[in-house]
Amino acid sequence: MEAGVRNRFQGKVWNIRVDDVMAQVTMWMGDTEVASVMTRESLEEAGFRQGDNVTALIKAINVVMVK
């Protein structure tokens, strides 16, 4: 998949939660957990399965940092 995103992180799908309309895919990158929410249709099209090696493409226009 081609994407104009600089922030790419590789990891493994750890958990997939699905309801009638939406899905949440959680991946681990070392000791960091990242979750993505998508439509159920998008999940089915992507074909994600628990244990798959995946790449998270992160593009944000706003990042808030706190201490």
Protein backbone atom coordinates (compact mmCIF):
# COMPACT_ATOMS: atom_id res chain seq x y z
CA MET A 1 0.00 0.00 0.00
CA GLU A 2 1.39 3.41 -0.97
CA ALA A 3 0.85 6.21 1.55
CA GLY A 4 2.36 9.65 2.06
CA VAL A 5 2.93 9.09 5.77
CA ARG A 6 6.33 9.41 7.45
CA ASN A 7 5.45 7.88 10.82
CA ARG A 8 5.47 4.12 10.26
CA PHE A 9 5.68 1.61 13.08
CA GLN A 10 5.81 -2.16 12.69
CA GLY A 11 4.17 -4.49 15.16
CA LYS A 12 1.88 -7.46 15.64
CA VAL A 13 -1.93 -7.53 15.91
CA TRP A 14 -2.68 -8.43 19.51
CA ASN A 15 -6.46 -8.05 19.75
CA ILE A 16 -9.46 -7.36 17.51
CA ARG A 17 -12.80 -6.23 18.94
CA VAL A 18 -15.77 -6.11 16.57
CA ASP A 19 -19.37 -4.97 17.00
CA ASP A 20 -22.16 -4.42 14.49
CA VAL A 21 -20.65 -1.34 12.83
CA MET A 22 -17.16 -0.60 14.21
CA ALA A 23 -13.97 -2.53 15.00
CA GLN A 24 -10.89 -1.83 17.09
CA VAL A 25 -7.55 -3.39 16.16
CA THR A 26 -4.81 -3.29 18.80
CA MET A 27 -1.18 -3.89 17.94
CA TRP A 28 2.01 -4.12 20.01
CA MET A 29 5.32 -2.56 19.00
CA GLY A 30 7.81 -3.73 21.60
CA ASP A 31 6.31 -2.48 24.86
CA THR A 32 3.98 0.07 23.21
CA GLU A 33 0.32 -0.58 22.43
CA VAL A 34 -1.40 1.21 19.53
CA ALA A 35 -5.11 0.92 18.71
CA SER A 36 -6.95 1.84 15.53
CA VAL A 37 -10.72 2.19 15.20
CA MET A 38 -12.28 1.49 11.82
CA THR A 39 -15.53 0.33 10.32
CA ARG A 40 -16.26 -3.37 10.35
CA GLU A 41 -16.28 -3.26 6.55
CA SER A 42 -12.75 -1.79 6.51
CA LEU A 43 -11.56 -4.53 8.88
CA GLU A 44 -13.01 -7.19 6.61
CA GLU A 45 -11.44 -5.60 3.51
CA ALA A 46 -8.02 -5.34 5.20
CA GLY A 47 -8.20 -8.95 6.36
CA PHE A 48 -6.44 -8.35 9.71
CA ARG A 49 -6.12 -11.41 11.94
CA GLN A 50 -4.72 -11.78 15.45
CA GLY A 51 -0.97 -12.45 15.20
CA ASP A 52 -0.54 -10.70 11.83
CA ASN A 53 2.55 -8.56 11.34
CA VAL A 54 1.31 -5.06 10.44
CA THR A 55 2.52 -1.51 9.97
CA ALA A 56 0.78 1.41 11.66
CA LEU A 57 0.79 4.57 9.53
CA ILE A 58 0.26 7.52 11.86
CA LYS A 59 -0.62 10.94 10.48
CA ALA A 60 -1.76 13.62 12.90
CA ILE A 61 -2.37 17.31 12.51
CA ASN A 62 -2.38 17.84 16.27
CA VAL A 63 -0.25 16.23 18.97
CA VAL A 64 -0.74 17.18 22.60
CA MET A 65 2.02 16.41 25.09
CA VAL A 66 1.63 16.70 28.87
CA LYS A 67 3.87 16.18 31.85
